[in-house]
ModelCIF file with pLDDT and N, C-alpha, C, O atoms, coordinates in Angstrom:
data_MODEL
#
_entry.id   MODEL 
#
_entity.id                         1 
_entity.type                       polymer 
_entity.pdbx_number_of_molecules   1 
#
_entity_poly.entity_id                      1 
_entity_poly.type                           'polypeptide(L)' 
_entity_poly.nstd_linkage                   no 
_entity_poly.nstd_monomer                   no 
_entity_poly.pdbx_seq_one_letter_code       HDNASMQVFPHGEGHSRFVWIHDVRPDELAVPMGAA 
_entity_poly.pdbx_seq_one_letter_code_can   HDNASMQVFPHGEGHSRFVWIHDVRPDELAVPMGAA 
_entity_poly.pdbx_strand_id                 A 
#
loop_
_entity_poly_seq.entity_id 
_entity_poly_seq.num 
_entity_poly_seq.mon_id 
_entity_poly_seq.hetero 
1 1  HIS n 
1 2  ASP n 
1 3  ASN n 
1 4  ALA n 
1 5  SER n 
1 6  MET n 
1 7  GLN n 
1 8  VAL n 
1 9  PHE n 
1 10 PRO n 
1 11 HIS n 
1 12 GLY n 
1 13 GLU n 
1 14 GLY n 
1 15 HIS n 
1 16 SER n 
1 17 ARG n 
1 18 PHE n 
1 19 VAL n 
1 20 TRP n 
1 21 ILE n 
1 22 HIS n 
1 23 ASP n 
1 24 VAL n 
1 25 ARG n 
1 26 PRO n 
1 27 ASP n 
1 28 GLU n 
1 29 LEU n 
1 30 ALA n 
1 31 VAL n 
1 32 PRO n 
1 33 MET n 
1 34 GLY n 
1 35 ALA n 
1 36 ALA n 
#
_struct_asym.id          A 
_struct_asym.entity_id   1 
#
loop_
_ma_qa_metric.id 
_ma_qa_metric.mode 
_ma_qa_metric.name 
_ma_qa_metric.software_group_id 
_ma_qa_metric.type 
1 global pLDDT . pLDDT 
2 local  pLDDT . pLDDT 
#
_ma_qa_metric_global.metric_id      1 
_ma_qa_metric_global.metric_value   95.00 
_ma_qa_metric_global.model_id       1 
_ma_qa_metric_global.ordinal_id     1 
#
loop_
_ma_qa_metric_local.label_asym_id 
_ma_qa_metric_local.label_comp_id 
_ma_qa_metric_local.label_seq_id 
_ma_qa_metric_local.metric_id 
_ma_qa_metric_local.metric_value 
_ma_qa_metric_local.model_id 
_ma_qa_metric_local.ordinal_id 
A HIS 1  2 94.00 1 1  
A ASP 2  2 94.00 1 2  
A ASN 3  2 96.00 1 3  
A ALA 4  2 97.00 1 4  
A SER 5  2 98.00 1 5  
A MET 6  2 98.00 1 6  
A GLN 7  2 98.00 1 7  
A VAL 8  2 98.00 1 8  
A PHE 9  2 98.00 1 9  
A PRO 10 2 98.00 1 10 
A HIS 11 2 98.00 1 11 
A GLY 12 2 93.00 1 12 
A GLU 13 2 94.00 1 13 
A GLY 14 2 94.00 1 14 
A HIS 15 2 97.00 1 15 
A SER 16 2 98.00 1 16 
A ARG 17 2 98.00 1 17 
A PHE 18 2 98.00 1 18 
A VAL 19 2 98.00 1 19 
A TRP 20 2 97.00 1 20 
A ILE 21 2 97.00 1 21 
A HIS 22 2 93.00 1 22 
A ASP 23 2 96.00 1 23 
A VAL 24 2 94.00 1 24 
A ARG 25 2 94.00 1 25 
A PRO 26 2 92.00 1 26 
A ASP 27 2 92.00 1 27 
A GLU 28 2 91.00 1 28 
A LEU 29 2 90.00 1 29 
A ALA 30 2 91.00 1 30 
A VAL 31 2 93.00 1 31 
A PRO 32 2 91.00 1 32 
A MET 33 2 91.00 1 33 
A GLY 34 2 94.00 1 34 
A ALA 35 2 94.00 1 35 
A ALA 36 2 93.00 1 36 
#
loop_
_atom_site.group_PDB 
_atom_site.id 
_atom_site.type_symbol 
_atom_site.label_atom_id 
_atom_site.label_alt_id 
_atom_site.label_comp_id 
_atom_site.label_asym_id 
_atom_site.label_entity_id 
_atom_site.label_seq_id 
_atom_site.pdbx_PDB_ins_code 
_atom_site.Cartn_x 
_atom_site.Cartn_y 
_atom_site.Cartn_z 
_atom_site.occupancy 
_atom_site.B_iso_or_equiv 
_atom_site.pdbx_formal_charge 
_atom_site.auth_seq_id 
_atom_site.auth_comp_id 
_atom_site.auth_asym_id 
_atom_site.auth_atom_id 
_atom_site.pdbx_PDB_model_num 
ATOM 1   N N  . HIS A 1 1  ? 35.465 9.490  74.909 1.00 94.00 ? 1  HIS A N  1 
ATOM 2   C CA . HIS A 1 1  ? 35.452 8.981  73.503 1.00 94.00 ? 1  HIS A CA 1 
ATOM 3   C C  . HIS A 1 1  ? 34.111 8.330  73.211 1.00 94.00 ? 1  HIS A C  1 
ATOM 4   O O  . HIS A 1 1  ? 33.686 7.413  73.914 1.00 94.00 ? 1  HIS A O  1 
ATOM 5   N N  . ASP A 1 2  ? 33.452 8.811  72.171 1.00 94.00 ? 2  ASP A N  1 
ATOM 6   C CA . ASP A 1 2  ? 32.234 8.226  71.730 1.00 94.00 ? 2  ASP A CA 1 
ATOM 7   C C  . ASP A 1 2  ? 32.171 8.150  70.328 1.00 94.00 ? 2  ASP A C  1 
ATOM 8   O O  . ASP A 1 2  ? 32.487 9.134  69.660 1.00 94.00 ? 2  ASP A O  1 
ATOM 9   N N  . ASN A 1 3  ? 31.695 6.801  69.646 1.00 96.00 ? 3  ASN A N  1 
ATOM 10  C CA . ASN A 1 3  ? 31.422 6.741  68.219 1.00 96.00 ? 3  ASN A CA 1 
ATOM 11  C C  . ASN A 1 3  ? 30.063 5.919  68.124 1.00 96.00 ? 3  ASN A C  1 
ATOM 12  O O  . ASN A 1 3  ? 29.945 4.807  68.638 1.00 96.00 ? 3  ASN A O  1 
ATOM 13  N N  . ALA A 1 4  ? 29.172 6.480  67.509 1.00 97.00 ? 4  ALA A N  1 
ATOM 14  C CA . ALA A 1 4  ? 27.857 5.785  67.408 1.00 97.00 ? 4  ALA A CA 1 
ATOM 15  C C  . ALA A 1 4  ? 27.593 5.604  66.051 1.00 97.00 ? 4  ALA A C  1 
ATOM 16  O O  . ALA A 1 4  ? 28.142 6.369  65.257 1.00 97.00 ? 4  ALA A O  1 
ATOM 17  N N  . SER A 1 5  ? 26.769 4.630  65.598 1.00 98.00 ? 5  SER A N  1 
ATOM 18  C CA . SER A 1 5  ? 26.222 4.328  64.285 1.00 98.00 ? 5  SER A CA 1 
ATOM 19  C C  . SER A 1 5  ? 24.784 3.722  64.306 1.00 98.00 ? 5  SER A C  1 
ATOM 20  O O  . SER A 1 5  ? 24.608 2.780  65.078 1.00 98.00 ? 5  SER A O  1 
ATOM 21  N N  . MET A 1 6  ? 23.897 4.087  63.665 1.00 98.00 ? 6  MET A N  1 
ATOM 22  C CA . MET A 1 6  ? 22.535 3.756  63.299 1.00 98.00 ? 6  MET A CA 1 
ATOM 23  C C  . MET A 1 6  ? 22.429 3.311  61.794 1.00 98.00 ? 6  MET A C  1 
ATOM 24  O O  . MET A 1 6  ? 22.729 4.078  60.880 1.00 98.00 ? 6  MET A O  1 
ATOM 25  N N  . GLN A 1 7  ? 21.948 1.918  61.574 1.00 98.00 ? 7  GLN A N  1 
ATOM 26  C CA . GLN A 1 7  ? 21.721 1.740  60.242 1.00 98.00 ? 7  GLN A CA 1 
ATOM 27  C C  . GLN A 1 7  ? 20.538 0.810  60.184 1.00 98.00 ? 7  GLN A C  1 
ATOM 28  O O  . GLN A 1 7  ? 20.157 0.083  61.101 1.00 98.00 ? 7  GLN A O  1 
ATOM 29  N N  . VAL A 1 8  ? 19.986 0.932  58.940 1.00 98.00 ? 8  VAL A N  1 
ATOM 30  C CA . VAL A 1 8  ? 18.594 0.366  58.599 1.00 98.00 ? 8  VAL A CA 1 
ATOM 31  C C  . VAL A 1 8  ? 18.827 -0.608 57.470 1.00 98.00 ? 8  VAL A C  1 
ATOM 32  O O  . VAL A 1 8  ? 19.401 -0.251 56.441 1.00 98.00 ? 8  VAL A O  1 
ATOM 33  N N  . PHE A 1 9  ? 18.329 -1.994 57.681 1.00 98.00 ? 9  PHE A N  1 
ATOM 34  C CA . PHE A 1 9  ? 18.544 -2.885 56.595 1.00 98.00 ? 9  PHE A CA 1 
ATOM 35  C C  . PHE A 1 9  ? 17.145 -3.532 56.283 1.00 98.00 ? 9  PHE A C  1 
ATOM 36  O O  . PHE A 1 9  ? 16.310 -3.592 57.186 1.00 98.00 ? 9  PHE A O  1 
ATOM 37  N N  . PRO A 1 10 ? 16.878 -4.002 55.072 1.00 98.00 ? 10 PRO A N  1 
ATOM 38  C CA . PRO A 1 10 ? 15.672 -4.510 54.644 1.00 98.00 ? 10 PRO A CA 1 
ATOM 39  C C  . PRO A 1 10 ? 15.598 -5.933 55.551 1.00 98.00 ? 10 PRO A C  1 
ATOM 40  O O  . PRO A 1 10 ? 16.606 -6.571 55.858 1.00 98.00 ? 10 PRO A O  1 
ATOM 41  N N  . HIS A 1 11 ? 14.448 -6.252 55.864 1.00 98.00 ? 11 HIS A N  1 
ATOM 42  C CA . HIS A 1 11 ? 14.431 -7.677 56.552 1.00 98.00 ? 11 HIS A CA 1 
ATOM 43  C C  . HIS A 1 11 ? 12.966 -8.245 56.262 1.00 98.00 ? 11 HIS A C  1 
ATOM 44  O O  . HIS A 1 11 ? 12.018 -8.150 57.042 1.00 98.00 ? 11 HIS A O  1 
ATOM 45  N N  . GLY A 1 12 ? 12.947 -8.838 55.031 1.00 93.00 ? 12 GLY A N  1 
ATOM 46  C CA . GLY A 1 12 ? 11.873 -9.325 54.496 1.00 93.00 ? 12 GLY A CA 1 
ATOM 47  C C  . GLY A 1 12 ? 11.000 -8.290 53.881 1.00 93.00 ? 12 GLY A C  1 
ATOM 48  O O  . GLY A 1 12 ? 11.384 -7.123 53.807 1.00 93.00 ? 12 GLY A O  1 
ATOM 49  N N  . GLU A 1 13 ? 9.813  -8.681 53.428 1.00 94.00 ? 13 GLU A N  1 
ATOM 50  C CA . GLU A 1 13 ? 8.947  -7.575 52.638 1.00 94.00 ? 13 GLU A CA 1 
ATOM 51  C C  . GLU A 1 13 ? 8.167  -6.598 53.746 1.00 94.00 ? 13 GLU A C  1 
ATOM 52  O O  . GLU A 1 13 ? 7.390  -7.072 54.574 1.00 94.00 ? 13 GLU A O  1 
ATOM 53  N N  . GLY A 1 14 ? 8.447  -5.295 53.664 1.00 94.00 ? 14 GLY A N  1 
ATOM 54  C CA . GLY A 1 14 ? 8.004  -4.281 54.474 1.00 94.00 ? 14 GLY A CA 1 
ATOM 55  C C  . GLY A 1 14 ? 8.477  -4.259 55.975 1.00 94.00 ? 14 GLY A C  1 
ATOM 56  O O  . GLY A 1 14 ? 7.822  -3.661 56.829 1.00 94.00 ? 14 GLY A O  1 
ATOM 57  N N  . HIS A 1 15 ? 9.483  -4.844 56.223 1.00 97.00 ? 15 HIS A N  1 
ATOM 58  C CA . HIS A 1 15 ? 10.218 -4.735 57.528 1.00 97.00 ? 15 HIS A CA 1 
ATOM 59  C C  . HIS A 1 15 ? 11.631 -4.465 57.488 1.00 97.00 ? 15 HIS A C  1 
ATOM 60  O O  . HIS A 1 15 ? 12.347 -4.679 56.510 1.00 97.00 ? 15 HIS A O  1 
ATOM 61  N N  . SER A 1 16 ? 12.026 -3.958 58.654 1.00 98.00 ? 16 SER A N  1 
ATOM 62  C CA . SER A 1 16 ? 13.307 -3.400 58.791 1.00 98.00 ? 16 SER A CA 1 
ATOM 63  C C  . SER A 1 16 ? 14.136 -4.060 60.032 1.00 98.00 ? 16 SER A C  1 
ATOM 64  O O  . SER A 1 16 ? 13.607 -4.417 61.085 1.00 98.00 ? 16 SER A O  1 
ATOM 65  N N  . ARG A 1 17 ? 15.453 -4.158 59.746 1.00 98.00 ? 17 ARG A N  1 
ATOM 66  C CA . ARG A 1 17 ? 16.317 -4.518 60.803 1.00 98.00 ? 17 ARG A CA 1 
ATOM 67  C C  . ARG A 1 17 ? 17.157 -3.308 61.178 1.00 98.00 ? 17 ARG A C  1 
ATOM 68  O O  . ARG A 1 17 ? 17.927 -2.824 60.348 1.00 98.00 ? 17 ARG A O  1 
ATOM 69  N N  . PHE A 1 18 ? 17.029 -2.785 62.449 1.00 98.00 ? 18 PHE A N  1 
ATOM 70  C CA . PHE A 1 18 ? 17.707 -1.611 62.838 1.00 98.00 ? 18 PHE A CA 1 
ATOM 71  C C  . PHE A 1 18 ? 18.752 -2.002 63.807 1.00 98.00 ? 18 PHE A C  1 
ATOM 72  O O  . PHE A 1 18 ? 18.480 -2.714 64.774 1.00 98.00 ? 18 PHE A O  1 
ATOM 73  N N  . VAL A 1 19 ? 20.081 -1.504 63.546 1.00 98.00 ? 19 VAL A N  1 
ATOM 74  C CA . VAL A 1 19 ? 21.231 -1.818 64.388 1.00 98.00 ? 19 VAL A CA 1 
ATOM 75  C C  . VAL A 1 19 ? 21.634 -0.426 64.863 1.00 98.00 ? 19 VAL A C  1 
ATOM 76  O O  . VAL A 1 19 ? 21.652 0.608  64.196 1.00 98.00 ? 19 VAL A O  1 
ATOM 77  N N  . TRP A 1 20 ? 21.962 -0.606 66.184 1.00 97.00 ? 20 TRP A N  1 
ATOM 78  C CA . TRP A 1 20 ? 22.608 0.842  66.770 1.00 97.00 ? 20 TRP A CA 1 
ATOM 79  C C  . TRP A 1 20 ? 23.729 0.387  67.538 1.00 97.00 ? 20 TRP A C  1 
ATOM 80  O O  . TRP A 1 20 ? 23.592 -0.598 68.263 1.00 97.00 ? 20 TRP A O  1 
ATOM 81  N N  . ILE A 1 21 ? 24.837 0.999  67.459 1.00 97.00 ? 21 ILE A N  1 
ATOM 82  C CA . ILE A 1 21 ? 26.223 0.785  68.186 1.00 97.00 ? 21 ILE A CA 1 
ATOM 83  C C  . ILE A 1 21 ? 26.681 1.945  68.641 1.00 97.00 ? 21 ILE A C  1 
ATOM 84  O O  . ILE A 1 21 ? 26.730 2.962  67.948 1.00 97.00 ? 21 ILE A O  1 
ATOM 85  N N  . HIS A 1 22 ? 27.055 1.871  69.859 1.00 93.00 ? 22 HIS A N  1 
ATOM 86  C CA . HIS A 1 22 ? 27.869 2.898  70.512 1.00 93.00 ? 22 HIS A CA 1 
ATOM 87  C C  . HIS A 1 22 ? 29.093 2.381  71.005 1.00 93.00 ? 22 HIS A C  1 
ATOM 88  O O  . HIS A 1 22 ? 28.935 1.447  71.791 1.00 93.00 ? 22 HIS A O  1 
ATOM 89  N N  . ASP A 1 23 ? 30.311 2.721  70.772 1.00 96.00 ? 23 ASP A N  1 
ATOM 90  C CA . ASP A 1 23 ? 31.421 2.511  71.285 1.00 96.00 ? 23 ASP A CA 1 
ATOM 91  C C  . ASP A 1 23 ? 31.851 3.741  72.185 1.00 96.00 ? 23 ASP A C  1 
ATOM 92  O O  . ASP A 1 23 ? 31.778 4.898  71.772 1.00 96.00 ? 23 ASP A O  1 
ATOM 93  N N  . VAL A 1 24 ? 32.298 3.404  73.428 1.00 94.00 ? 24 VAL A N  1 
ATOM 94  C CA . VAL A 1 24 ? 32.313 4.630  74.448 1.00 94.00 ? 24 VAL A CA 1 
ATOM 95  C C  . VAL A 1 24 ? 33.248 4.385  75.515 1.00 94.00 ? 24 VAL A C  1 
ATOM 96  O O  . VAL A 1 24 ? 33.283 3.309  76.112 1.00 94.00 ? 24 VAL A O  1 
ATOM 97  N N  . ARG A 1 25 ? 33.977 5.317  75.760 1.00 94.00 ? 25 ARG A N  1 
ATOM 98  C CA . ARG A 1 25 ? 34.802 5.468  77.127 1.00 94.00 ? 25 ARG A CA 1 
ATOM 99  C C  . ARG A 1 25 ? 34.573 6.586  78.000 1.00 94.00 ? 25 ARG A C  1 
ATOM 100 O O  . ARG A 1 25 ? 34.511 7.715  77.513 1.00 94.00 ? 25 ARG A O  1 
ATOM 101 N N  . PRO A 1 26 ? 34.464 6.434  79.010 1.00 92.00 ? 26 PRO A N  1 
ATOM 102 C CA . PRO A 1 26 ? 34.957 5.279  80.031 1.00 92.00 ? 26 PRO A CA 1 
ATOM 103 C C  . PRO A 1 26 ? 33.767 4.283  79.874 1.00 92.00 ? 26 PRO A C  1 
ATOM 104 O O  . PRO A 1 26 ? 32.590 4.554  79.638 1.00 92.00 ? 26 PRO A O  1 
ATOM 105 N N  . ASP A 1 27 ? 34.320 3.132  80.052 1.00 92.00 ? 27 ASP A N  1 
ATOM 106 C CA . ASP A 1 27 ? 33.529 1.920  79.874 1.00 92.00 ? 27 ASP A CA 1 
ATOM 107 C C  . ASP A 1 27 ? 32.263 1.931  80.553 1.00 92.00 ? 27 ASP A C  1 
ATOM 108 O O  . ASP A 1 27 ? 31.247 1.431  80.072 1.00 92.00 ? 27 ASP A O  1 
ATOM 109 N N  . GLU A 1 28 ? 32.332 2.589  81.842 1.00 91.00 ? 28 GLU A N  1 
ATOM 110 C CA . GLU A 1 28 ? 31.132 2.347  82.638 1.00 91.00 ? 28 GLU A CA 1 
ATOM 111 C C  . GLU A 1 28 ? 29.893 3.239  81.980 1.00 91.00 ? 28 GLU A C  1 
ATOM 112 O O  . GLU A 1 28 ? 28.803 3.164  82.548 1.00 91.00 ? 28 GLU A O  1 
ATOM 113 N N  . LEU A 1 29 ? 30.008 4.009  80.904 1.00 90.00 ? 29 LEU A N  1 
ATOM 114 C CA . LEU A 1 29 ? 28.992 4.567  80.363 1.00 90.00 ? 29 LEU A CA 1 
ATOM 115 C C  . LEU A 1 29 ? 28.270 3.702  79.383 1.00 90.00 ? 29 LEU A C  1 
ATOM 116 O O  . LEU A 1 29 ? 27.194 4.085  78.926 1.00 90.00 ? 29 LEU A O  1 
ATOM 117 N N  . ALA A 1 30 ? 28.789 2.573  79.036 1.00 91.00 ? 30 ALA A N  1 
ATOM 118 C CA . ALA A 1 30 ? 28.059 1.536  78.109 1.00 91.00 ? 30 ALA A CA 1 
ATOM 119 C C  . ALA A 1 30 ? 26.891 1.118  78.619 1.00 91.00 ? 30 ALA A C  1 
ATOM 120 O O  . ALA A 1 30 ? 25.969 0.967  77.818 1.00 91.00 ? 30 ALA A O  1 
ATOM 121 N N  . VAL A 1 31 ? 26.654 0.838  80.045 1.00 93.00 ? 31 VAL A N  1 
ATOM 122 C CA . VAL A 1 31 ? 25.498 0.436  80.528 1.00 93.00 ? 31 VAL A CA 1 
ATOM 123 C C  . VAL A 1 31 ? 24.501 1.268  80.610 1.00 93.00 ? 31 VAL A C  1 
ATOM 124 O O  . VAL A 1 31 ? 23.404 0.854  80.235 1.00 93.00 ? 31 VAL A O  1 
ATOM 125 N N  . PRO A 1 32 ? 24.612 2.590  81.098 1.00 91.00 ? 32 PRO A N  1 
ATOM 126 C CA . PRO A 1 32 ? 23.369 3.479  80.932 1.00 91.00 ? 32 PRO A CA 1 
ATOM 127 C C  . PRO A 1 32 ? 23.216 3.781  79.485 1.00 91.00 ? 32 PRO A C  1 
ATOM 128 O O  . PRO A 1 32 ? 22.066 3.922  79.069 1.00 91.00 ? 32 PRO A O  1 
ATOM 129 N N  . MET A 1 33 ? 24.109 3.888  78.746 1.00 91.00 ? 33 MET A N  1 
ATOM 130 C CA . MET A 1 33 ? 23.795 4.059  77.100 1.00 91.00 ? 33 MET A CA 1 
ATOM 131 C C  . MET A 1 33 ? 22.874 2.923  76.588 1.00 91.00 ? 33 MET A C  1 
ATOM 132 O O  . MET A 1 33 ? 21.875 3.163  75.909 1.00 91.00 ? 33 MET A O  1 
ATOM 133 N N  . GLY A 1 34 ? 23.229 1.767  76.918 1.00 94.00 ? 34 GLY A N  1 
ATOM 134 C CA . GLY A 1 34 ? 22.623 0.407  76.475 1.00 94.00 ? 34 GLY A CA 1 
ATOM 135 C C  . GLY A 1 34 ? 21.198 0.515  76.891 1.00 94.00 ? 34 GLY A C  1 
ATOM 136 O O  . GLY A 1 34 ? 20.301 0.307  76.074 1.00 94.00 ? 34 GLY A O  1 
ATOM 137 N N  . ALA A 1 35 ? 20.959 0.824  78.102 1.00 94.00 ? 35 ALA A N  1 
ATOM 138 C CA . ALA A 1 35 ? 19.617 0.896  78.760 1.00 94.00 ? 35 ALA A CA 1 
ATOM 139 C C  . ALA A 1 35 ? 18.922 2.091  78.175 1.00 94.00 ? 35 ALA A C  1 
ATOM 140 O O  . ALA A 1 35 ? 17.706 1.951  78.043 1.00 94.00 ? 35 ALA A O  1 
ATOM 141 N N  . ALA A 1 36 ? 19.395 3.145  77.828 1.00 93.00 ? 36 ALA A N  1 
ATOM 142 C CA . ALA A 1 36 ? 18.632 4.292  77.060 1.00 93.00 ? 36 ALA A CA 1 
ATOM 143 C C  . ALA A 1 36 ? 18.272 3.869  75.782 1.00 93.00 ? 36 ALA A C  1 
ATOM 144 O O  . ALA A 1 36 ? 17.665 4.630  75.028 1.00 93.00 ? 36 ALA A O  1 
#
């Protein structure tokens, strides 16, 4: 199972806050995914 999302938010004038989330099974994949 894998569900991922990327979202961009304004963060002050001319800046962005970028959020990237992966929910994954098996659990051990979260470590290499997070590093990548």
